[in-house]
Structure formats: C-alpha cells, structure tokens
C-alpha atoms as a PDB file:
ATOM      1  CA  MET A   1      94.624  80.336 112.159  1.00  0.00           C
ATOM      2  CA  THR A   2      92.951  79.985 108.774  1.00  0.00           C
ATOM      3  CA  LYS A   3      89.738  81.989 108.755  1.00  0.00           C
ATOM      4  CA  PRO A   4      86.482  80.029 108.363  1.00  0.00           C
ATOM      5  CA  ARG A   5      84.359  80.714 105.300  1.00  0.00           C
ATOM      6  CA  LEU A   6      80.760  81.812 105.903  1.00  0.00           C
ATOM      7  CA  PHE A   7      78.269  80.900 103.153  1.00  0.00           C
ATOM      8  CA  ASP A   8      74.953  81.790 104.743  1.00  0.00           C
ATOM      9  CA  ALA A   9      73.795  83.401 107.995  1.00  0.00           C
ATOM     10  CA  THR A  10      70.133  83.925 108.830  1.00  0.00           C
ATOM     11  CA  ASP A  11      68.054  83.885 111.982  1.00  0.00           C
ATOM     12  CA  ALA A  12      67.369  80.193 111.256  1.00  0.00           C
ATOM     13  CA  HIS A  13      70.792  78.842 110.259  1.00  0.00           C
ATOM     14  CA  ILE A  14      74.505  79.350 109.682  1.00  0.00           C
ATOM     15  CA  ILE A  15      76.423  77.446 106.994  1.00  0.00           C
ATOM     16  CA  GLY A  16      80.200  77.583 106.710  1.00  0.00           C
ATOM     17  CA  THR A  17      83.460  75.707 106.268  1.00  0.00           C
ATOM     18  CA  TRP A  18      86.965  75.650 107.666  1.00  0.00           C
ATOM     19  CA  LYS A  19      89.729  73.456 106.232  1.00  0.00           C
ATOM     20  CA  ASN A  20      88.029  70.039 105.744  1.00  0.00           C
ATOM     21  CA  VAL A  21      85.184  70.838 108.175  1.00  0.00           C
ATOM     22  CA  PHE A  22      81.593  71.637 107.225  1.00  0.00           C
ATOM     23  CA  PHE A  23      79.513  73.557 109.786  1.00  0.00           C
ATOM     24  CA  ALA A  24      75.741  73.881 109.954  1.00  0.00           C
ATOM     25  CA  ARG A  25      74.112  75.588 112.928  1.00  0.00           C
ATOM     26  CA  VAL A  26      70.308  75.302 113.040  1.00  0.00           C
ATOM     27  CA  THR A  27      68.510  77.838 115.192  1.00  0.00           C
ATOM     28  CA  GLY A  28      65.090  77.930 113.536  1.00  0.00           C
ATOM     29  CA  PRO A  29      62.884  76.212 110.957  1.00  0.00           C
ATOM     30  CA  THR A  30      64.629  74.699 107.958  1.00  0.00           C
ATOM     31  CA  THR A  31      63.331  74.021 104.456  1.00  0.00           C
ATOM     32  CA  VAL A  32      64.077  71.712 101.542  1.00  0.00           C
ATOM     33  CA  GLU A  33      65.620  74.713  99.745  1.00  0.00           C
ATOM     34  CA  VAL A  34      67.990  75.454 102.644  1.00  0.00           C
ATOM     35  CA  GLN A  35      68.972  71.794 102.862  1.00  0.00           C
ATOM     36  CA  SER A  36      69.593  71.717  99.098  1.00  0.00           C
ATOM     37  CA  ARG A  37      71.928  74.743  99.367  1.00  0.00           C
ATOM     38  CA  LEU A  38      73.626  73.129 102.349  1.00  0.00           C
ATOM     39  CA  GLY A  39      74.101  69.962 100.278  1.00  0.00           C
ATOM     40  CA  GLU A  40      75.684  71.912  97.411  1.00  0.00           C
ATOM     41  CA  HIS A  41      78.223  73.493  99.765  1.00  0.00           C
ATOM     42  CA  LEU A  42      78.964  70.147 101.432  1.00  0.00           C
ATOM     43  CA  ARG A  43      79.496  68.424  98.055  1.00  0.00           C
ATOM     44  CA  GLN A  44      81.865  71.234  96.998  1.00  0.00           C
ATOM     45  CA  LEU A  45      83.893  70.816 100.195  1.00  0.00           C
ATOM     46  CA  VAL A  46      84.076  67.046  99.713  1.00  0.00           C
ATOM     47  CA  ALA A  47      85.266  67.561  96.111  1.00  0.00           C
ATOM     48  CA  GLN A  48      88.008  69.929  97.347  1.00  0.00           C
ATOM     49  CA  HIS A  49      89.229  67.487 100.014  1.00  0.00           C
ATOM     50  CA  PRO A  50      89.966  63.987  98.690  1.00  0.00           C
ATOM     51  CA  GLU A  51      91.483  63.186 102.124  1.00  0.00           C
ATOM     52  CA  GLY A  52      87.944  63.354 103.547  1.00  0.00           C
ATOM     53  CA  CYS A  53      85.801  65.838 105.465  1.00  0.00           C
ATOM     54  CA  VAL A  54      83.857  66.015 108.701  1.00  0.00           C
ATOM     55  CA  TYR A  55      80.441  67.555 109.288  1.00  0.00           C
ATOM     56  CA  MET A  56      79.600  69.401 112.512  1.00  0.00           C
ATOM     57  CA  LEU A  57      75.855  69.926 112.907  1.00  0.00           C
ATOM     58  CA  LEU A  58      74.757  72.117 115.812  1.00  0.00           C
ATOM     59  CA  ILE A  59      71.066  72.270 116.717  1.00  0.00           C
ATOM     60  CA  ALA A  60      69.807  74.966 119.088  1.00  0.00           C
ATOM     61  CA  LYS A  61      67.720  73.990 122.091  1.00  0.00           C
ATOM     62  CA  ASN A  62      64.487  75.457 120.735  1.00  0.00           C
ATOM     63  CA  ALA A  63      64.947  74.660 117.042  1.00  0.00           C
ATOM     64  CA  PRO A  64      61.790  73.058 115.634  1.00  0.00           C
ATOM     65  CA  LEU A  65      61.898  69.552 114.205  1.00  0.00           C
ATOM     66  CA  PRO A  66      61.955  69.509 110.404  1.00  0.00           C
ATOM     67  CA  ASP A  67      58.893  68.239 108.547  1.00  0.00           C
ATOM     68  CA  GLY A  68      58.844  64.937 106.650  1.00  0.00           C
ATOM     69  CA  ARG A  69      59.982  66.354 103.292  1.00  0.00           C
ATOM     70  CA  VAL A  70      62.933  68.103 104.925  1.00  0.00           C
ATOM     71  CA  ARG A  71      63.876  64.969 106.912  1.00  0.00           C
ATOM     72  CA  ASP A  72      63.802  62.947 103.665  1.00  0.00           C
ATOM     73  CA  THR A  73      66.051  65.525 101.969  1.00  0.00           C
ATOM     74  CA  ILE A  74      68.504  65.434 104.889  1.00  0.00           C
ATOM     75  CA  GLY A  75      68.539  61.618 104.899  1.00  0.00           C
ATOM     76  CA  LYS A  76      69.211  61.410 101.150  1.00  0.00           C
ATOM     77  CA  LEU A  77      72.003  63.956 101.440  1.00  0.00           C
ATOM     78  CA  LEU A  78      73.714  62.203 104.340  1.00  0.00           C
ATOM     79  CA  ARG A  79      73.425  58.762 102.696  1.00  0.00           C
ATOM     80  CA  SER A  80      75.010  60.102  99.485  1.00  0.00           C
ATOM     81  CA  PHE A  81      78.516  60.184 101.015  1.00  0.00           C
ATOM     82  CA  THR A  82      80.965  57.327 101.443  1.00  0.00           C
ATOM     83  CA  PRO A  83      83.137  56.786 104.539  1.00  0.00           C
ATOM     84  CA  GLU A  84      86.114  58.003 102.484  1.00  0.00           C
ATOM     85  CA  GLN A  85      84.337  61.279 101.702  1.00  0.00           C
ATOM     86  CA  LEU A  86      82.737  61.957 105.075  1.00  0.00           C
ATOM     87  CA  LEU A  87      84.974  60.799 107.900  1.00  0.00           C
ATOM     88  CA  GLY A  88      82.457  61.636 110.619  1.00  0.00           C
ATOM     89  CA  LEU A  89      79.302  63.512 111.542  1.00  0.00           C
ATOM     90  CA  SER A  90      78.846  65.118 114.942  1.00  0.00           C
ATOM     91  CA  ILE A  91      75.458  66.365 116.034  1.00  0.00           C
ATOM     92  CA  ASN A  92      75.427  68.804 118.922  1.00  0.00           C
ATOM     93  CA  VAL A  93      72.023  69.319 120.533  1.00  0.00           C
ATOM     94  CA  GLY A  94      71.697  72.241 122.894  1.00  0.00           C
ATOM     95  CA  GLY A  95      69.833  71.937 126.156  1.00  0.00           C
ATOM     96  CA  GLU A  96      70.475  70.486 129.562  1.00  0.00           C
ATOM     97  CA  GLY A  97      68.711  68.100 131.868  1.00  0.00           C
ATOM     98  CA  PHE A  98      65.845  65.876 130.815  1.00  0.00           C
ATOM     99  CA  TRP A  99      64.928  67.836 127.652  1.00  0.00           C
ATOM    100  CA  GLY A 100      68.479  67.870 126.321  1.00  0.00           C
ATOM    101  CA  GLY A 101      69.003  64.173 127.063  1.00  0.00           C
ATOM    102  CA  ALA A 102      65.681  63.208 125.493  1.00  0.00           C
ATOM    103  CA  ALA A 103      66.366  65.278 122.368  1.00  0.00           C
ATOM    104  CA  ARG A 104      69.806  63.713 121.971  1.00  0.00           C
ATOM    105  CA  SER A 105      68.332  60.214 122.386  1.00  0.00           C
ATOM    106  CA  VAL A 106      65.666  60.844 119.741  1.00  0.00           C
ATOM    107  CA  LEU A 107      68.216  62.238 117.283  1.00  0.00           C
ATOM    108  CA  THR A 108      70.576  59.331 117.887  1.00  0.00           C
ATOM    109  CA  GLY A 109      67.744  56.964 116.976  1.00  0.00           C
ATOM    110  CA  ILE A 110      66.815  58.913 113.856  1.00  0.00           C
ATOM    111  CA  PHE A 111      70.372  59.012 112.565  1.00  0.00           C
ATOM    112  CA  LEU A 112      71.042  55.372 113.422  1.00  0.00           C
ATOM    113  CA  ALA A 113      67.932  54.446 111.443  1.00  0.00           C
ATOM    114  CA  ALA A 114      69.399  56.346 108.472  1.00  0.00           C
ATOM    115  CA  ARG A 115      72.130  53.661 108.365  1.00  0.00           C
ATOM    116  CA  LEU A 116      75.006  55.968 107.560  1.00  0.00           C
ATOM    117  CA  GLU A 117      78.231  54.278 106.491  1.00  0.00           C
ATOM    118  CA  TYR A 118      80.508  56.670 108.365  1.00  0.00           C
ATOM    119  CA  PRO A 119      80.856  57.369 112.100  1.00  0.00           C
ATOM    120  CA  MET A 120      78.158  59.552 113.684  1.00  0.00           C
ATOM    121  CA  LYS A 121      77.843  60.670 117.282  1.00  0.00           C
ATOM    122  CA  VAL A 122      75.480  62.976 119.208  1.00  0.00           C
ATOM    123  CA  PHE A 123      76.882  65.407 121.809  1.00  0.00           C
ATOM    124  CA  GLY A 124      75.632  67.867 124.394  1.00  0.00           C
ATOM    125  CA  THR A 125      78.432  70.430 123.998  1.00  0.00           C
ATOM    126  CA  PRO A 126      80.469  71.762 121.075  1.00  0.00           C
ATOM    127  CA  SER A 127      83.660  71.076 123.043  1.00  0.00           C
ATOM    128  CA  ASP A 128      82.862  67.355 123.269  1.00  0.00           C
ATOM    129  CA  ALA A 129      81.948  67.276 119.577  1.00  0.00           C
ATOM    130  CA  THR A 130      85.176  68.990 118.459  1.00  0.00           C
ATOM    131  CA  THR A 131      87.265  66.624 120.582  1.00  0.00           C
ATOM    132  CA  TRP A 132      85.642  63.605 118.904  1.00  0.00           C
ATOM    133  CA  LEU A 133      85.776  65.105 115.395  1.00  0.00           C
ATOM    134  CA  ALA A 134      89.518  65.663 115.857  1.00  0.00           C
ATOM    135  CA  THR A 135      89.925  61.902 116.352  1.00  0.00           C
ATOM    136  CA  VAL A 136      88.105  61.048 113.104  1.00  0.00           C
ATOM    137  CA  GLY A 137      89.086  63.929 110.805  1.00  0.00           C
ATOM    138  CA  GLY A 138      91.649  66.173 112.442  1.00  0.00           C
ATOM    139  CA  GLN A 139      94.679  64.346 111.121  1.00  0.00           C
ATOM    140  CA  ALA A 140      93.343  64.461 107.550  1.00  0.00           C
ATOM    141  CA  GLY A 141      92.635  68.188 107.895  1.00  0.00           C
ATOM    142  CA  GLY A 142      95.685  69.122 109.949  1.00  0.00           C
ATOM    143  CA  TRP A 143      93.835  70.487 113.002  1.00  0.00           C
ATOM    144  CA  THR A 144      93.096  69.726 116.652  1.00  0.00           C
ATOM    145  CA  GLY A 145      89.899  69.841 118.701  1.00  0.00           C
ATOM    146  CA  PRO A 146      90.762  73.202 120.323  1.00  0.00           C
ATOM    147  CA  GLU A 147      91.574  74.679 116.899  1.00  0.00           C
ATOM    148  CA  LEU A 148      88.235  73.439 115.563  1.00  0.00           C
ATOM    149  CA  LEU A 149      86.407  74.979 118.534  1.00  0.00           C
ATOM    150  CA  ALA A 150      88.199  78.300 117.867  1.00  0.00           C
ATOM    151  CA  ALA A 151      87.168  78.111 114.189  1.00  0.00           C
ATOM    152  CA  LEU A 152      83.540  77.523 115.224  1.00  0.00           C
ATOM    153  CA  ASP A 153      83.695  80.561 117.522  1.00  0.00           C
ATOM    154  CA  ALA A 154      85.174  82.655 114.691  1.00  0.00           C
ATOM    155  CA  LEU A 155      82.417  81.509 112.310  1.00  0.00           C
ATOM    156  CA  ASP A 156      79.723  82.386 114.869  1.00  0.00           C
ATOM    157  CA  THR A 157      81.286  85.844 115.323  1.00  0.00           C
ATOM    158  CA  GLU A 158      81.387  86.409 111.560  1.00  0.00           C
ATOM    159  CA  ALA A 159      77.772  85.228 111.211  1.00  0.00           C
ATOM    160  CA  ALA A 160      76.602  87.587 113.974  1.00  0.00           C
ATOM    161  CA  ALA A 161      78.361  90.497 112.240  1.00  0.00           C
ATOM    162  CA  ALA A 162      76.821  89.560 108.868  1.00  0.00           C
ATOM    163  CA  ARG A 163      73.318  89.365 110.350  1.00  0.00           C
ATOM    164  CA  SER A 164      73.867  92.711 112.077  1.00  0.00           C
ATOM    165  CA  GLU A 165      74.932  94.299 108.781  1.00  0.00           C
ATOM    166  CA  ASP A 166      71.858  92.844 107.036  1.00  0.00           C
ATOM    167  CA  SER A 167      69.525  94.270 109.660  1.00  0.00           C
ATOM    168  CA  THR A 168      71.082  97.744 109.596  1.00  0.00           C
ATOM    169  CA  GLY A 169      71.782  98.267 106.050  1.00  0.00           C
END
C-alpha cells in the first residue's frame, strides 16, 4: 500500500493525504491560520490530481465548534472547488446516541446551507464514510473503501508517532 503523507499533527488536528484523498482530523479548536494551511494542502492535491479528489473530514466527539471567522474561512474554501475537482466530501462526527445524532444533524444543515456543488454526506463511523467515498472517488484514485480505511489508520499511527517525538524531543 502507498504510504499516506502527513503534513501536520498537533493535539488539535491532523492533516494528510493519500493518493487522491485529503484527510483532516479535528480533535480540538481550529483557527483561520490552520484552515488556511489546510486549504493550501488541499489545493495542491487538487492540482496534482486532474481526475478529481475526495475530502475526508473527521471531527472528534468533543471538538469545539469553530467561531464565525473560522466557519466563514471553511465555507469559502469548500465553495472554491468544482465538482470535477472535488468528487465528494465526507464528514465523520464521533459520538453515539443522542449527542452524536444531534451533532451530525446540525453539521448536515450547516453544510447543506453552504450549497456545495459536489456530493457531501455526514457519517457516524469512518468505515461508513470510506465505503461511500469509494463510490464517488475510489475509481478515479484507484482504491477501495477498505484500502482507504487502512490508509486512514496508517496516517493516524504516523501522526501519533510524530506527536510523541515532538513531546519527547
């Protein structure tokens, strides 16, 4: 398997890529600066893949909601891509039961209001998200849902190792 590429790993986020897939995992507060860096990496990936890319956004259960400036930055970024450039966006929101369902409903509403031109879907598990992303972007990138899930696991492992190195040395 092709190794994912890790761009940034902090206590608040992980940013990386694999083939034509862009990953962002949000675990803490985000800023306009972080979203701007994320946007630069996403634009670079799109430029490298004329066949189109997919974006897998994973939001941890306890991640705080971004403030208005950050939400505006995210909206502008996501609206800047065409359906040919971004084949799909999956949003995975951690959490079970009422809280998880309510959070997913709110996010679905927010992203629907953004009026994105490409497919977007909110999920409760990474496995469900990777299965769906494979249907919208896997053929263009030459991968399957299980391969995408394995790449996500590899990226998380690399990010954990990078954060461990930063804290020890």
